[in-house]
């Protein structure tokens, strides 16, 4: 059986297109938004070759930033979700619980500061902001022995926003996925910090926020 593909921020932003298509669109967006000028701000006169090289480096860096695993963001938030954490505590010595999760949102923000260097010469710098929000619709979770064992059917809407404080928004898109496709449950996922298992995602992942419907 083949392993399920990891659902990343890149997939949510661009779909399943080829990497070359992603890089072409990123280059266009960075150029038209003004990020290209930020990346070259220390060089008043820029040859075409240097401009192309600098932009290519920025595109590759941004593309690598989009490798964030959406399932990891969801799980990092669920480890702080009171209902799941309490169920994990009650069952860690043995037992199974069915936990009903209401609609909630888990977020993560990355704000790297990039310095652009061509050869050994710094030519510019700027900050990026990548925001990822995973809005999970109501579903049922099964917790056994302190671990997330299964999730009932349900969808999540992923919104990915890319911007730079000095120029504003660069691009923003949302996409709907099946939660079962986002979270890899081929093995139970530990919900408590002292349990063996995969390392948790960076603590910059946000606490799940309830979502009210009007």
N, C-alpha and C. Protein backbone atom coordinates (compact mmCIF):
# COMPACT_ATOMS: atom_id res chain seq x y z
N UNK A 1 0.84 -1.19 0.00
CA UNK A 1 0.00 0.00 0.00
C UNK A 1 0.88 1.24 0.00
N UNK A 2 0.60 2.19 -0.86
CA UNK A 2 1.39 3.41 -0.94
C UNK A 2 1.01 4.36 0.19
N UNK A 3 1.98 5.17 0.62
CA UNK A 3 1.73 6.14 1.67
C UNK A 3 0.93 7.31 1.12
N UNK A 4 0.01 7.86 1.92
CA UNK A 4 -0.75 9.01 1.45
C UNK A 4 0.15 10.23 1.29
N UNK A 5 -0.15 11.06 0.30
CA UNK A 5 0.65 12.26 0.07
C UNK A 5 0.42 13.26 1.19
N UNK A 6 1.48 13.93 1.60
CA UNK A 6 1.37 14.96 2.62
C UNK A 6 0.66 16.18 2.03
N UNK A 7 -0.35 16.68 2.73
CA UNK A 7 -1.07 17.87 2.30
C UNK A 7 -0.35 19.09 2.89
N UNK A 8 0.22 19.91 2.03
CA UNK A 8 1.02 21.05 2.47
C UNK A 8 0.32 22.37 2.14
N UNK A 9 0.89 23.45 2.68
CA UNK A 9 0.39 24.79 2.35
C UNK A 9 0.53 25.06 0.86
N UNK A 10 1.54 24.50 0.23
CA UNK A 10 1.72 24.68 -1.21
C UNK A 10 0.54 24.10 -1.99
N UNK A 11 0.10 22.90 -1.58
CA UNK A 11 -1.02 22.27 -2.26
C UNK A 11 -2.30 23.08 -2.07
N UNK A 12 -2.48 23.63 -0.87
CA UNK A 12 -3.67 24.45 -0.62
C UNK A 12 -3.63 25.74 -1.44
N UNK A 13 -2.45 26.28 -1.66
CA UNK A 13 -2.32 27.55 -2.37
C UNK A 13 -2.36 27.37 -3.88
N UNK A 14 -1.76 26.30 -4.39
CA UNK A 14 -1.61 26.15 -5.84
C UNK A 14 -2.28 24.91 -6.43
N UNK A 15 -2.76 24.01 -5.60
CA UNK A 15 -3.29 22.77 -6.14
C UNK A 15 -2.16 21.83 -6.52
N UNK A 16 -2.46 20.86 -7.32
CA UNK A 16 -1.48 19.85 -7.67
C UNK A 16 -0.68 20.13 -8.92
N UNK A 17 -0.41 21.40 -9.24
CA UNK A 17 0.33 21.74 -10.45
C UNK A 17 1.81 21.43 -10.27
N UNK A 18 2.54 21.39 -11.37
CA UNK A 18 3.97 21.10 -11.35
C UNK A 18 4.73 22.19 -10.61
N UNK A 19 5.88 21.82 -10.04
CA UNK A 19 6.70 22.78 -9.29
C UNK A 19 7.11 23.97 -10.16
N UNK A 20 7.35 23.74 -11.43
CA UNK A 20 7.74 24.84 -12.32
C UNK A 20 6.62 25.88 -12.44
N UNK A 21 5.37 25.41 -12.46
CA UNK A 21 4.23 26.33 -12.54
C UNK A 21 4.12 27.15 -11.26
N UNK A 22 4.34 26.49 -10.12
CA UNK A 22 4.32 27.19 -8.84
C UNK A 22 5.38 28.29 -8.82
N UNK A 23 6.59 27.96 -9.24
CA UNK A 23 7.68 28.93 -9.21
C UNK A 23 7.41 30.09 -10.17
N UNK A 24 6.83 29.80 -11.32
CA UNK A 24 6.51 30.87 -12.28
C UNK A 24 5.49 31.84 -11.68
N UNK A 25 4.45 31.30 -11.05
CA UNK A 25 3.43 32.19 -10.48
C UNK A 25 3.99 32.97 -9.29
N UNK A 26 4.79 32.31 -8.46
CA UNK A 26 5.41 33.01 -7.34
C UNK A 26 6.28 34.16 -7.84
N UNK A 27 7.06 33.93 -8.89
CA UNK A 27 7.92 34.97 -9.43
C UNK A 27 7.08 36.16 -9.90
N UNK A 28 5.98 35.87 -10.58
CA UNK A 28 5.11 36.94 -11.07
C UNK A 28 4.51 37.73 -9.91
N UNK A 29 4.03 37.01 -8.89
CA UNK A 29 3.41 37.67 -7.74
C UNK A 29 4.42 38.52 -6.97
N UNK A 30 5.61 38.00 -6.78
CA UNK A 30 6.64 38.74 -6.05
C UNK A 30 7.08 39.98 -6.83
N UNK A 31 7.09 39.85 -8.13
CA UNK A 31 7.49 41.00 -8.96
C UNK A 31 6.43 42.08 -8.94
N UNK A 32 5.18 41.69 -9.16
CA UNK A 32 4.10 42.69 -9.26
C UNK A 32 3.74 43.31 -7.91
N UNK A 33 4.01 42.59 -6.81
CA UNK A 33 3.68 43.12 -5.48
C UNK A 33 4.74 44.08 -4.95
N UNK A 34 5.92 44.10 -5.59
CA UNK A 34 6.99 44.97 -5.14
C UNK A 34 8.04 44.30 -4.30
N UNK A 35 7.90 42.99 -4.03
CA UNK A 35 8.89 42.28 -3.22
C UNK A 35 10.23 42.21 -3.94
N UNK A 36 10.20 42.12 -5.26
CA UNK A 36 11.46 42.07 -6.02
C UNK A 36 12.31 43.30 -5.73
N UNK A 37 11.69 44.46 -5.64
CA UNK A 37 12.44 45.68 -5.35
C UNK A 37 13.02 45.66 -3.93
N UNK A 38 12.27 45.11 -2.98
CA UNK A 38 12.79 44.98 -1.62
C UNK A 38 14.02 44.07 -1.59
N UNK A 39 13.97 43.01 -2.40
CA UNK A 39 15.08 42.06 -2.43
C UNK A 39 16.33 42.67 -3.05
N UNK A 40 16.20 43.81 -3.74
CA UNK A 40 17.35 44.43 -4.42
C UNK A 40 17.57 45.86 -3.96
N UNK A 41 17.05 46.20 -2.80
CA UNK A 41 17.05 47.60 -2.37
C UNK A 41 18.44 48.17 -2.14
N UNK A 42 19.43 47.33 -1.88
CA UNK A 42 20.79 47.84 -1.62
C UNK A 42 21.59 48.05 -2.90
N UNK A 43 21.00 47.71 -4.03
CA UNK A 43 21.71 47.84 -5.30
C UNK A 43 20.92 48.76 -6.21
N UNK A 44 21.31 50.04 -6.31
CA UNK A 44 20.52 51.01 -7.09
C UNK A 44 20.37 50.62 -8.55
N UNK A 45 21.43 50.16 -9.16
CA UNK A 45 21.39 49.77 -10.57
C UNK A 45 21.63 48.27 -10.64
N UNK A 46 20.65 47.55 -11.18
CA UNK A 46 20.71 46.09 -11.18
C UNK A 46 20.68 45.57 -12.61
N UNK A 47 21.70 44.80 -12.94
CA UNK A 47 21.73 44.16 -14.26
C UNK A 47 20.65 43.10 -14.32
N UNK A 48 20.19 42.82 -15.55
CA UNK A 48 19.10 41.86 -15.74
C UNK A 48 19.45 40.49 -15.17
N UNK A 49 20.71 40.08 -15.36
CA UNK A 49 21.12 38.77 -14.85
C UNK A 49 21.08 38.69 -13.34
N UNK A 50 21.54 39.77 -12.66
CA UNK A 50 21.51 39.81 -11.21
C UNK A 50 20.08 39.82 -10.69
N UNK A 51 19.22 40.59 -11.35
CA UNK A 51 17.81 40.65 -10.96
C UNK A 51 17.16 39.27 -11.06
N UNK A 52 17.42 38.57 -12.14
CA UNK A 52 16.84 37.24 -12.33
C UNK A 52 17.35 36.26 -11.28
N UNK A 53 18.66 36.34 -10.97
CA UNK A 53 19.25 35.44 -9.97
C UNK A 53 18.67 35.70 -8.60
N UNK A 54 18.56 36.98 -8.22
CA UNK A 54 18.03 37.33 -6.91
C UNK A 54 16.58 36.89 -6.76
N UNK A 55 15.78 37.15 -7.79
CA UNK A 55 14.37 36.76 -7.73
C UNK A 55 14.23 35.25 -7.64
N UNK A 56 15.07 34.53 -8.38
CA UNK A 56 15.03 33.08 -8.32
C UNK A 56 15.33 32.54 -6.94
N UNK A 57 16.28 33.16 -6.24
CA UNK A 57 16.60 32.74 -4.87
C UNK A 57 15.42 32.99 -3.93
N UNK A 58 14.77 34.14 -4.09
CA UNK A 58 13.61 34.45 -3.25
C UNK A 58 12.48 33.46 -3.51
N UNK A 59 12.23 33.16 -4.78
CA UNK A 59 11.17 32.21 -5.14
C UNK A 59 11.42 30.86 -4.49
N UNK A 60 12.65 30.37 -4.57
CA UNK A 60 12.95 29.06 -3.99
C UNK A 60 12.78 29.07 -2.48
N UNK A 61 13.16 30.17 -1.84
CA UNK A 61 13.00 30.26 -0.38
C UNK A 61 11.52 30.26 0.01
N UNK A 62 10.71 31.02 -0.72
CA UNK A 62 9.27 31.06 -0.44
C UNK A 62 8.65 29.69 -0.69
N UNK A 63 9.06 29.04 -1.76
CA UNK A 63 8.53 27.73 -2.08
C UNK A 63 8.84 26.72 -0.98
N UNK A 64 10.04 26.77 -0.42
CA UNK A 64 10.39 25.88 0.68
C UNK A 64 9.54 26.17 1.92
N UNK A 65 9.23 27.44 2.13
CA UNK A 65 8.40 27.82 3.27
C UNK A 65 7.01 27.19 3.19
N UNK A 66 6.55 26.93 1.96
CA UNK A 66 5.21 26.38 1.76
C UNK A 66 5.14 24.87 1.98
N UNK A 67 6.25 24.26 2.41
CA UNK A 67 6.26 22.82 2.69
C UNK A 67 5.60 22.47 4.02
N UNK A 68 5.01 23.44 4.69
CA UNK A 68 4.37 23.19 5.99
C UNK A 68 3.29 22.12 5.85
N UNK A 69 3.34 21.13 6.73
CA UNK A 69 2.38 20.02 6.74
C UNK A 69 1.10 20.47 7.45
N UNK A 70 -0.01 20.49 6.74
CA UNK A 70 -1.27 20.93 7.34
C UNK A 70 -1.76 19.98 8.43
N UNK A 71 -1.48 18.70 8.26
CA UNK A 71 -1.85 17.74 9.30
C UNK A 71 -1.10 18.02 10.59
N UNK A 72 0.17 18.40 10.47
CA UNK A 72 0.96 18.74 11.65
C UNK A 72 0.40 19.95 12.37
N UNK A 73 -0.10 20.93 11.62
CA UNK A 73 -0.72 22.11 12.23
C UNK A 73 -1.96 21.71 13.00
N UNK A 74 -2.81 20.87 12.39
CA UNK A 74 -4.03 20.43 13.06
C UNK A 74 -3.73 19.66 14.34
N UNK A 75 -2.78 18.73 14.27
CA UNK A 75 -2.46 17.90 15.43
C UNK A 75 -1.85 18.75 16.55
N UNK A 76 -0.98 19.70 16.20
CA UNK A 76 -0.39 20.58 17.21
C UNK A 76 -1.47 21.35 17.95
N UNK A 77 -2.50 21.79 17.23
CA UNK A 77 -3.62 22.48 17.87
C UNK A 77 -4.45 21.53 18.72
N UNK A 78 -4.68 20.32 18.23
CA UNK A 78 -5.49 19.36 18.98
C UNK A 78 -4.83 18.96 20.29
N UNK A 79 -3.51 18.99 20.36
CA UNK A 79 -2.84 18.67 21.62
C UNK A 79 -3.14 19.71 22.70
N UNK A 80 -3.68 20.85 22.27
CA UNK A 80 -4.07 21.89 23.23
C UNK A 80 -5.59 22.00 23.36
N UNK A 81 -6.31 21.15 22.65
CA UNK A 81 -7.78 21.18 22.64
C UNK A 81 -8.26 20.49 23.91
N UNK A 82 -8.99 21.19 24.75
CA UNK A 82 -9.33 20.69 26.09
C UNK A 82 -10.03 19.34 26.05
N UNK A 83 -11.02 19.17 25.17
CA UNK A 83 -11.77 17.92 25.15
C UNK A 83 -10.88 16.73 24.80
N UNK A 84 -9.99 16.93 23.81
CA UNK A 84 -9.10 15.84 23.40
C UNK A 84 -8.05 15.58 24.47
N UNK A 85 -7.50 16.64 25.04
CA UNK A 85 -6.48 16.46 26.07
C UNK A 85 -7.05 15.73 27.28
N UNK A 86 -8.27 16.12 27.69
CA UNK A 86 -8.88 15.46 28.84
C UNK A 86 -9.17 13.99 28.56
N UNK A 87 -9.62 13.70 27.34
CA UNK A 87 -9.87 12.30 26.97
C UNK A 87 -8.57 11.51 26.95
N UNK A 88 -7.50 12.15 26.49
CA UNK A 88 -6.21 11.47 26.46
C UNK A 88 -5.72 11.17 27.88
N UNK A 89 -5.93 12.10 28.80
CA UNK A 89 -5.52 11.88 30.20
C UNK A 89 -6.32 10.75 30.84
N UNK A 90 -7.62 10.69 30.53
CA UNK A 90 -8.46 9.66 31.14
C UNK A 90 -8.16 8.27 30.59
N UNK A 91 -7.69 8.20 29.36
CA UNK A 91 -7.50 6.89 28.72
C UNK A 91 -6.05 6.45 28.62
N UNK A 92 -5.12 7.26 29.10
CA UNK A 92 -3.71 6.92 28.85
C UNK A 92 -3.29 5.62 29.52
N UNK A 93 -3.98 5.23 30.58
CA UNK A 93 -3.66 3.94 31.22
C UNK A 93 -4.50 2.80 30.64
N UNK A 94 -5.30 3.11 29.62
CA UNK A 94 -6.16 2.11 28.99
C UNK A 94 -7.58 2.62 28.87
N UNK A 95 -8.21 2.33 27.76
CA UNK A 95 -9.58 2.75 27.56
C UNK A 95 -9.75 3.49 26.24
N UNK A 96 -11.02 3.65 25.87
CA UNK A 96 -11.37 4.31 24.61
C UNK A 96 -12.47 5.31 24.88
N UNK A 97 -12.38 6.50 24.26
CA UNK A 97 -13.44 7.50 24.38
C UNK A 97 -13.77 8.08 23.01
N UNK A 98 -15.04 8.41 22.86
CA UNK A 98 -15.52 9.07 21.65
C UNK A 98 -15.72 10.55 21.99
N UNK A 99 -15.04 11.42 21.27
CA UNK A 99 -15.06 12.85 21.57
C UNK A 99 -15.69 13.60 20.40
N UNK A 100 -16.74 14.34 20.69
CA UNK A 100 -17.37 15.15 19.65
C UNK A 100 -16.72 16.53 19.62
N UNK A 101 -16.18 16.88 18.46
CA UNK A 101 -15.50 18.16 18.28
C UNK A 101 -16.41 19.12 17.52
N UNK A 102 -16.62 20.28 18.07
CA UNK A 102 -17.40 21.31 17.37
C UNK A 102 -16.52 21.97 16.32
N UNK A 103 -17.12 22.80 15.48
CA UNK A 103 -16.34 23.53 14.48
C UNK A 103 -15.29 24.39 15.18
N UNK A 104 -14.05 24.35 14.69
CA UNK A 104 -12.98 25.11 15.30
C UNK A 104 -11.90 25.40 14.26
N UNK A 105 -11.06 26.36 14.59
CA UNK A 105 -10.01 26.77 13.67
C UNK A 105 -8.65 26.70 14.36
N UNK A 106 -7.68 26.13 13.67
CA UNK A 106 -6.30 26.08 14.15
C UNK A 106 -5.46 26.92 13.20
N UNK A 107 -4.60 27.78 13.75
CA UNK A 107 -3.81 28.68 12.90
C UNK A 107 -2.33 28.55 13.20
N UNK A 108 -1.55 28.96 12.22
CA UNK A 108 -0.11 29.06 12.40
C UNK A 108 0.40 30.20 11.55
N UNK A 109 1.33 30.98 12.10
CA UNK A 109 1.92 32.11 11.39
C UNK A 109 3.44 31.99 11.41
N UNK A 110 4.06 32.17 10.25
CA UNK A 110 5.52 32.19 10.12
C UNK A 110 5.93 33.57 9.61
N UNK A 111 6.92 34.18 10.26
CA UNK A 111 7.37 35.53 9.88
C UNK A 111 8.88 35.56 9.73
N UNK A 112 9.44 34.91 8.70
CA UNK A 112 10.89 34.92 8.54
C UNK A 112 11.39 36.26 7.98
N UNK A 113 12.59 36.63 8.38
CA UNK A 113 13.29 37.79 7.82
C UNK A 113 14.32 37.25 6.84
N UNK A 114 14.22 37.63 5.59
CA UNK A 114 15.09 37.11 4.55
C UNK A 114 16.12 38.15 4.13
N UNK A 115 17.37 37.72 4.03
CA UNK A 115 18.41 38.56 3.46
C UNK A 115 18.83 37.94 2.14
N UNK A 116 18.83 38.73 1.10
CA UNK A 116 19.15 38.24 -0.23
C UNK A 116 20.62 38.50 -0.51
N UNK A 117 21.36 37.44 -0.81
CA UNK A 117 22.78 37.54 -1.08
C UNK A 117 23.06 36.93 -2.45
N UNK A 118 23.75 37.68 -3.30
CA UNK A 118 24.15 37.18 -4.61
C UNK A 118 25.67 37.14 -4.62
N UNK A 119 26.23 35.94 -4.82
CA UNK A 119 27.67 35.78 -4.64
C UNK A 119 27.94 35.89 -3.15
N UNK A 120 28.74 36.86 -2.76
CA UNK A 120 28.96 37.14 -1.34
C UNK A 120 28.43 38.51 -0.96
N UNK A 121 27.66 39.12 -1.86
CA UNK A 121 27.21 40.48 -1.65
C UNK A 121 25.74 40.53 -1.24
N UNK A 122 25.43 41.08 -0.05
CA UNK A 122 24.02 41.28 0.32
C UNK A 122 23.42 42.39 -0.53
N UNK A 123 22.29 42.11 -1.16
CA UNK A 123 21.68 43.09 -2.06
C UNK A 123 20.33 43.59 -1.56
N UNK A 124 19.79 42.98 -0.52
CA UNK A 124 18.51 43.45 -0.01
C UNK A 124 17.99 42.54 1.08
N UNK A 125 16.95 43.00 1.76
CA UNK A 125 16.33 42.19 2.79
C UNK A 125 14.88 42.61 2.96
N UNK A 126 14.08 41.68 3.48
CA UNK A 126 12.66 41.98 3.71
C UNK A 126 12.08 40.88 4.59
N UNK A 127 10.91 41.14 5.15
CA UNK A 127 10.19 40.17 5.97
C UNK A 127 9.01 39.61 5.18
N UNK A 128 8.74 38.34 5.39
CA UNK A 128 7.57 37.69 4.81
C UNK A 128 6.64 37.28 5.94
N UNK A 129 5.37 37.13 5.61
CA UNK A 129 4.40 36.61 6.59
C UNK A 129 3.54 35.55 5.91
N UNK A 130 3.61 34.34 6.42
CA UNK A 130 2.79 33.23 5.91
C UNK A 130 1.80 32.85 6.99
N UNK A 131 0.51 32.97 6.69
CA UNK A 131 -0.56 32.60 7.62
C UNK A 131 -1.31 31.40 7.07
N UNK A 132 -1.48 30.39 7.92
CA UNK A 132 -2.23 29.19 7.55
C UNK A 132 -3.34 28.99 8.58
N UNK A 133 -4.57 28.86 8.12
CA UNK A 133 -5.71 28.62 9.00
C UNK A 133 -6.43 27.35 8.53
N UNK A 134 -6.66 26.43 9.46
CA UNK A 134 -7.37 25.18 9.16
C UNK A 134 -8.69 25.22 9.91
N UNK A 135 -9.78 25.42 9.18
CA UNK A 135 -11.12 25.47 9.77
C UNK A 135 -11.74 24.08 9.65
N UNK A 136 -11.90 23.43 10.79
CA UNK A 136 -12.40 22.05 10.83
C UNK A 136 -13.88 22.07 11.17
N UNK A 137 -14.67 21.40 10.35
CA UNK A 137 -16.10 21.29 10.62
C UNK A 137 -16.35 20.23 11.70
N UNK A 138 -17.53 20.24 12.33
CA UNK A 138 -17.78 19.28 13.42
C UNK A 138 -17.52 17.84 12.99
N UNK A 139 -16.89 17.09 13.87
CA UNK A 139 -16.61 15.67 13.59
C UNK A 139 -16.34 14.96 14.90
N UNK A 140 -16.24 13.64 14.82
CA UNK A 140 -16.02 12.81 16.00
C UNK A 140 -14.59 12.27 15.97
N UNK A 141 -13.93 12.32 17.13
CA UNK A 141 -12.59 11.76 17.27
C UNK A 141 -12.64 10.58 18.23
N UNK A 142 -11.87 9.56 17.94
CA UNK A 142 -11.76 8.40 18.82
C UNK A 142 -10.37 8.43 19.48
N UNK A 143 -10.35 8.45 20.82
CA UNK A 143 -9.10 8.48 21.57
C UNK A 143 -8.95 7.16 22.32
N UNK A 144 -7.80 6.52 22.14
CA UNK A 144 -7.53 5.26 22.84
C UNK A 144 -6.12 5.29 23.41
N UNK A 145 -5.99 4.91 24.67
CA UNK A 145 -4.67 4.88 25.32
C UNK A 145 -3.94 6.22 25.21
N UNK A 146 -4.70 7.30 25.30
CA UNK A 146 -4.10 8.63 25.25
C UNK A 146 -3.71 9.08 23.87
N UNK A 147 -4.13 8.35 22.84
CA UNK A 147 -3.74 8.68 21.48
C UNK A 147 -4.96 8.87 20.59
N UNK A 148 -4.80 9.72 19.59
CA UNK A 148 -5.84 9.90 18.58
C UNK A 148 -5.81 8.71 17.65
N UNK A 149 -6.92 7.96 17.66
CA UNK A 149 -6.96 6.71 16.89
C UNK A 149 -7.66 6.88 15.56
N UNK A 150 -8.76 7.66 15.55
CA UNK A 150 -9.56 7.77 14.33
C UNK A 150 -10.33 9.08 14.35
N UNK A 151 -10.75 9.51 13.18
CA UNK A 151 -11.58 10.70 13.01
C UNK A 151 -12.77 10.35 12.14
N UNK A 152 -13.94 10.81 12.55
CA UNK A 152 -15.12 10.60 11.73
C UNK A 152 -15.05 11.42 10.46
N UNK A 153 -15.92 11.15 9.51
CA UNK A 153 -15.90 11.91 8.26
C UNK A 153 -16.15 13.39 8.51
N UNK A 154 -15.45 14.22 7.78
CA UNK A 154 -15.62 15.66 7.92
C UNK A 154 -14.68 16.40 6.99
N UNK A 155 -14.98 17.66 6.76
CA UNK A 155 -14.17 18.50 5.88
C UNK A 155 -13.46 19.58 6.69
N UNK A 156 -12.41 20.12 6.08
CA UNK A 156 -11.76 21.31 6.64
C UNK A 156 -11.45 22.26 5.50
N UNK A 157 -11.56 23.54 5.79
CA UNK A 157 -11.24 24.57 4.81
C UNK A 157 -9.91 25.19 5.20
N UNK A 158 -8.94 25.11 4.31
CA UNK A 158 -7.60 25.63 4.57
C UNK A 158 -7.44 26.95 3.83
N UNK A 159 -7.04 27.99 4.57
CA UNK A 159 -6.77 29.29 3.97
C UNK A 159 -5.30 29.61 4.16
N UNK A 160 -4.63 29.91 3.05
CA UNK A 160 -3.20 30.25 3.09
C UNK A 160 -3.03 31.67 2.56
N UNK A 161 -2.36 32.51 3.35
CA UNK A 161 -2.13 33.90 2.97
C UNK A 161 -0.63 34.17 3.01
N UNK A 162 -0.14 34.81 1.95
CA UNK A 162 1.26 35.18 1.86
C UNK A 162 1.34 36.69 1.68
N UNK A 163 2.17 37.33 2.48
CA UNK A 163 2.30 38.78 2.37
C UNK A 163 3.64 39.25 2.89
N UNK A 164 3.87 40.55 2.81
CA UNK A 164 5.07 41.19 3.33
C UNK A 164 4.64 42.51 3.96
N UNK A 165 5.05 42.78 5.21
CA UNK A 165 4.60 44.00 5.88
C UNK A 165 4.83 45.27 5.09
N UNK A 166 5.91 45.32 4.32
CA UNK A 166 6.24 46.55 3.61
C UNK A 166 5.45 46.76 2.32
N UNK A 167 4.86 45.69 1.80
CA UNK A 167 4.10 45.84 0.55
C UNK A 167 2.65 45.37 0.67
N UNK A 168 2.31 44.67 1.76
CA UNK A 168 0.95 44.20 1.93
C UNK A 168 0.74 42.79 1.40
N UNK A 169 -0.51 42.40 1.12
CA UNK A 169 -0.81 41.04 0.66
C UNK A 169 -0.16 40.73 -0.69
N UNK A 170 0.28 39.49 -0.81
CA UNK A 170 0.84 39.01 -2.08
C UNK A 170 -0.14 38.04 -2.73
N UNK A 171 -0.64 37.09 -1.98
CA UNK A 171 -1.66 36.19 -2.50
C UNK A 171 -2.36 35.49 -1.35
N UNK A 172 -3.62 35.07 -1.60
CA UNK A 172 -4.41 34.38 -0.59
C UNK A 172 -5.40 33.47 -1.31
N UNK A 173 -5.47 32.22 -0.86
CA UNK A 173 -6.41 31.27 -1.45
C UNK A 173 -6.90 30.31 -0.37
N UNK A 174 -8.03 29.68 -0.63
CA UNK A 174 -8.53 28.65 0.27
C UNK A 174 -8.95 27.43 -0.53
N UNK A 175 -8.90 26.29 0.15
CA UNK A 175 -9.23 25.02 -0.50
C UNK A 175 -9.83 24.08 0.54
N UNK A 176 -10.78 23.27 0.13
CA UNK A 176 -11.45 22.33 1.03
C UNK A 176 -10.84 20.94 0.86
N UNK A 177 -10.53 20.30 1.98
CA UNK A 177 -9.99 18.94 1.99
C UNK A 177 -10.81 18.07 2.94
N UNK A 178 -10.78 16.78 2.72
CA UNK A 178 -11.28 15.83 3.70
C UNK A 178 -10.27 15.75 4.84
N UNK A 179 -10.76 15.85 6.08
CA UNK A 179 -9.85 15.80 7.23
C UNK A 179 -9.04 14.51 7.21
N UNK A 180 -9.66 13.41 6.79
CA UNK A 180 -8.97 12.12 6.74
C UNK A 180 -7.79 12.14 5.78
N UNK A 181 -7.82 13.04 4.79
CA UNK A 181 -6.69 13.15 3.85
C UNK A 181 -5.59 14.06 4.38
N UNK A 182 -5.95 14.94 5.30
CA UNK A 182 -4.98 15.89 5.84
C UNK A 182 -4.18 15.28 6.98
N UNK A 183 -4.84 14.52 7.85
CA UNK A 183 -4.20 13.93 9.03
C UNK A 183 -3.90 12.45 8.77
N UNK A 184 -2.64 12.08 8.87
CA UNK A 184 -2.21 10.71 8.62
C UNK A 184 -2.45 9.87 9.88
N UNK A 185 -3.47 9.01 9.83
CA UNK A 185 -3.83 8.19 10.98
C UNK A 185 -3.53 6.71 10.74
N UNK A 186 -2.53 6.44 9.92
CA UNK A 186 -2.13 5.04 9.75
C UNK A 186 -1.58 4.48 11.06
N UNK A 187 -1.05 5.37 11.91
CA UNK A 187 -0.65 5.00 13.27
C UNK A 187 -1.30 5.98 14.23
N UNK A 188 -1.69 5.52 15.44
CA UNK A 188 -2.27 6.45 16.42
C UNK A 188 -1.32 7.61 16.72
N UNK A 189 -1.89 8.79 16.96
CA UNK A 189 -1.10 9.99 17.19
C UNK A 189 -1.13 10.35 18.68
N UNK A 190 0.03 10.42 19.34
CA UNK A 190 0.05 10.79 20.76
C UNK A 190 -0.51 12.19 20.97
N UNK A 191 -1.33 12.34 22.01
CA UNK A 191 -1.92 13.64 22.33
C UNK A 191 -1.30 14.27 23.57
N UNK A 192 -0.49 13.51 24.30
CA UNK A 192 0.14 14.00 25.52
C UNK A 192 1.65 14.13 25.32
N UNK A 193 2.24 15.11 25.95
CA UNK A 193 3.64 15.45 25.70
C UNK A 193 4.60 14.33 26.07
N UNK A 194 4.31 13.55 27.09
CA UNK A 194 5.25 12.53 27.55
C UNK A 194 5.07 11.19 26.86
N UNK A 195 4.23 11.15 25.83
CA UNK A 195 4.03 9.90 25.12
C UNK A 195 5.03 9.76 23.99
N UNK A 196 5.50 8.53 23.70
CA UNK A 196 6.36 8.33 22.55
C UNK A 196 5.57 8.53 21.27
N UNK A 197 6.23 8.98 20.24
CA UNK A 197 5.57 9.17 18.95
C UNK A 197 6.21 10.29 18.19
N UNK A 198 5.61 10.69 17.06
CA UNK A 198 6.17 11.74 16.22
C UNK A 198 6.32 13.03 17.02
N UNK A 199 7.40 13.78 16.74
CA UNK A 199 7.63 15.05 17.42
C UNK A 199 6.56 16.04 17.04
N UNK A 200 6.08 16.85 18.00
CA UNK A 200 5.03 17.82 17.70
C UNK A 200 5.53 18.93 16.80
N UNK A 201 4.61 19.56 16.10
CA UNK A 201 4.93 20.70 15.26
C UNK A 201 5.35 21.87 16.14
N UNK A 202 6.03 22.85 15.56
CA UNK A 202 6.47 24.04 16.28
C UNK A 202 5.35 24.63 17.12
N UNK A 203 5.66 25.11 18.34
CA UNK A 203 4.61 25.65 19.20
C UNK A 203 3.97 26.91 18.68
N UNK A 204 4.41 27.41 17.53
CA UNK A 204 3.73 28.58 16.96
C UNK A 204 2.34 28.23 16.46
N UNK A 205 2.03 26.90 16.38
CA UNK A 205 0.68 26.51 16.02
C UNK A 205 -0.31 27.03 17.06
N UNK A 206 -1.44 27.55 16.62
CA UNK A 206 -2.36 28.21 17.54
C UNK A 206 -3.30 27.25 18.23
N UNK A 207 -3.84 27.74 19.35
CA UNK A 207 -4.87 26.99 20.07
C UNK A 207 -6.14 26.99 19.23
N UNK A 208 -6.82 25.85 19.11
CA UNK A 208 -8.07 25.82 18.33
C UNK A 208 -9.07 26.83 18.85
N UNK A 209 -9.66 27.58 17.95
CA UNK A 209 -10.67 28.57 18.33
C UNK A 209 -12.03 28.08 17.87
N UNK A 210 -13.03 28.08 18.78
CA UNK A 210 -14.38 27.68 18.37
C UNK A 210 -14.90 28.63 17.28
N UNK A 211 -15.73 28.08 16.42
CA UNK A 211 -16.32 28.87 15.35
C UNK A 211 -17.82 28.91 15.55
N UNK A 212 -18.39 30.11 15.63
CA UNK A 212 -19.83 30.22 15.81
C UNK A 212 -20.49 30.41 14.47
N UNK A 213 -21.67 29.87 14.32
CA UNK A 213 -22.44 29.98 13.07
C UNK A 213 -23.66 30.83 13.34
N UNK A 214 -23.91 31.79 12.48
CA UNK A 214 -25.06 32.70 12.63
C UNK A 214 -26.15 32.35 11.65
